[in-house]
Protein backbone atom coordinates (compact mmCIF):
# COMPACT_ATOMS: atom_id res chain seq x y z
CA MET A 1 17.86 7.14 57.04
CA ALA A 2 15.82 10.13 55.04
CA ARG A 3 19.36 10.46 52.75
CA THR A 4 19.07 6.64 51.88
CA ARG A 5 14.89 6.87 51.21
CA HIS A 6 15.82 10.07 48.82
CA VAL A 7 18.19 8.04 47.09
CA ALA A 8 15.97 4.67 46.69
CA VAL A 9 13.09 6.89 45.54
CA ALA A 10 14.99 9.11 43.03
CA SER A 11 17.03 5.69 41.77
CA LEU A 12 13.19 3.72 41.48
CA ALA A 13 12.22 7.04 39.39
CA LEU A 14 15.23 6.89 37.29
CA ALA A 15 14.55 3.05 36.70
CA ALA A 16 10.89 3.37 35.73
CA THR A 17 11.38 6.24 33.34
CA ALA A 18 14.30 4.03 31.42
CA LEU A 19 11.88 1.46 31.13
CA LEU A 20 9.17 3.30 29.92
CA ALA A 21 11.24 5.16 27.48
CA GLY A 22 11.68 1.47 26.06
CA CYS A 23 8.24 0.60 25.74
CA GLY A 24 6.97 3.24 23.06
CA GLY A 25 9.14 1.82 20.29
CA ALA A 26 8.78 2.83 16.63
CA LYS A 27 4.90 3.22 15.64
CA THR A 28 3.86 0.93 12.56
CA ASP A 29 1.50 2.35 9.94
CA HIS A 30 -0.25 -0.88 8.16
CA LEU A 31 -1.69 -0.35 4.99
CA THR A 32 -3.30 -2.75 2.35
CA ALA A 33 -3.07 -2.44 -1.68
CA ASP A 34 -4.00 -4.45 -4.63
CA ASP A 35 -2.04 -4.95 -7.87
CA GLY A 36 -3.65 -5.85 -11.25
CA PRO A 37 -7.12 -5.89 -13.00
CA THR A 38 -9.27 -3.01 -12.22
CA ALA A 39 -12.25 -1.43 -13.53
CA THR A 40 -10.56 0.71 -16.08
CA GLY A 41 -7.68 -1.44 -17.01
CA ASN A 42 -4.80 -2.56 -14.74
CA GLY A 43 -3.00 -0.81 -11.68
CA ILE A 44 -2.65 -0.06 -8.10
CA THR A 45 -5.61 0.43 -5.64
CA PRO A 46 -5.98 2.15 -3.79
CA VAL A 47 -5.22 5.17 -5.74
CA LYS A 48 -4.35 7.12 -2.55
CA LEU A 49 -2.50 5.80 0.36
CA ALA A 50 -1.31 7.43 3.57
CA ALA A 51 1.24 6.83 6.11
CA HIS A 52 3.10 9.08 8.96
CA LYS A 53 6.25 10.63 8.94
CA GLY A 54 8.91 8.68 11.33
CA HIS A 55 6.67 5.50 11.30
CA ASN A 56 7.74 2.28 10.05
CA VAL A 57 4.91 1.40 6.99
CA GLU A 58 4.03 -2.24 6.23
CA ILE A 59 2.14 -2.71 2.92
CA LYS A 60 0.12 -5.79 2.40
CA VAL A 61 0.39 -6.04 -1.47
CA THR A 62 -1.78 -8.49 -3.11
CA ASN A 63 -1.31 -9.38 -6.92
CA THR A 64 -5.12 -9.86 -8.20
CA ALA A 65 -4.13 -11.19 -11.41
CA LYS A 66 -4.58 -14.43 -12.48
CA ASP A 67 -1.94 -14.66 -15.59
CA LYS A 68 1.26 -12.89 -14.82
CA GLN A 69 3.42 -11.02 -12.07
CA HIS A 70 3.05 -7.42 -11.43
CA GLY A 71 5.38 -4.80 -9.63
CA PHE A 72 4.98 -2.78 -6.72
CA SER A 73 7.83 0.34 -6.52
CA ILE A 74 7.76 3.43 -4.03
CA ASP A 75 11.57 5.02 -5.44
CA ASP A 76 11.81 7.26 -2.80
CA PHE A 77 11.90 4.45 0.04
CA GLY A 78 13.76 2.09 -1.86
CA VAL A 79 11.07 -0.37 -2.67
CA LYS A 80 10.87 -2.86 -5.63
CA ASP A 81 9.11 -5.79 -5.63
CA VAL A 82 7.82 -8.26 -7.84
CA ILE A 83 4.54 -10.19 -6.98
CA ASP A 84 3.75 -13.59 -8.46
CA GLN A 85 -0.35 -13.92 -9.91
CA GLY A 86 -2.74 -14.70 -7.07
CA LYS A 87 0.10 -13.67 -4.23
CA THR A 88 0.60 -11.42 -1.46
CA THR A 89 3.31 -9.92 0.21
CA THR A 90 4.27 -7.38 2.67
CA VAL A 91 6.74 -4.54 1.73
CA LYS A 92 8.42 -2.59 4.61
CA PHE A 93 10.15 0.82 4.86
CA LYS A 94 10.59 3.54 7.39
CA ALA A 95 8.65 6.44 6.22
CA SER A 96 11.55 9.27 6.85
CA LYS A 97 10.34 11.98 4.90
CA ALA A 98 7.33 14.08 4.29
CA GLY A 99 5.35 14.34 0.81
CA THR A 100 3.64 12.61 -1.91
CA TYR A 101 5.20 9.68 -3.47
CA THR A 102 4.60 7.87 -6.63
CA VAL A 103 3.51 3.83 -6.25
CA TYR A 104 3.76 2.32 -9.33
CA CYS A 105 3.96 -0.87 -10.91
CA GLN A 106 7.66 -1.02 -12.41
CA LEU A 107 7.15 -4.05 -14.83
CA HIS A 108 4.10 -2.85 -16.51
CA PRO A 109 4.71 1.33 -16.61
CA THR A 110 1.20 2.02 -18.46
CA HIS A 111 -0.32 0.53 -15.48
CA GLY A 112 -2.29 2.89 -13.25
CA LYS A 113 -0.65 4.50 -10.38
CA SER A 114 -1.53 5.14 -6.74
CA GLU A 115 0.24 7.67 -4.41
CA LEU A 116 1.57 7.62 -0.91
CA THR A 117 0.97 10.96 1.22
CA VAL A 118 3.62 10.85 3.89
CA SER A 119 2.50 13.42 6.77
């Protein structure tokens, strides 16, 4: 009887551990950025973005221009999007490596850039 109880308790503990391990899942960093006219010209704001290594990243990007498309690229994470004027899109990727990465408009290379720091 005592052995059966120990096996039942051990089985319950093992099941609970497996169940809890699946609950955490990958964490997601939610960021926002604008791409378009700024006080000093055109560019991406904010100029500094931050995410955590190993997290999924979702950046809600709004093209604030009224007259043209803008791009949103982060080469190291395979992000390259085009956003129509006045529209918003969400770019998604995994922040798989630490470092500082350039965020830029691939359609207008002279526009102001931003940085994404993954730590």
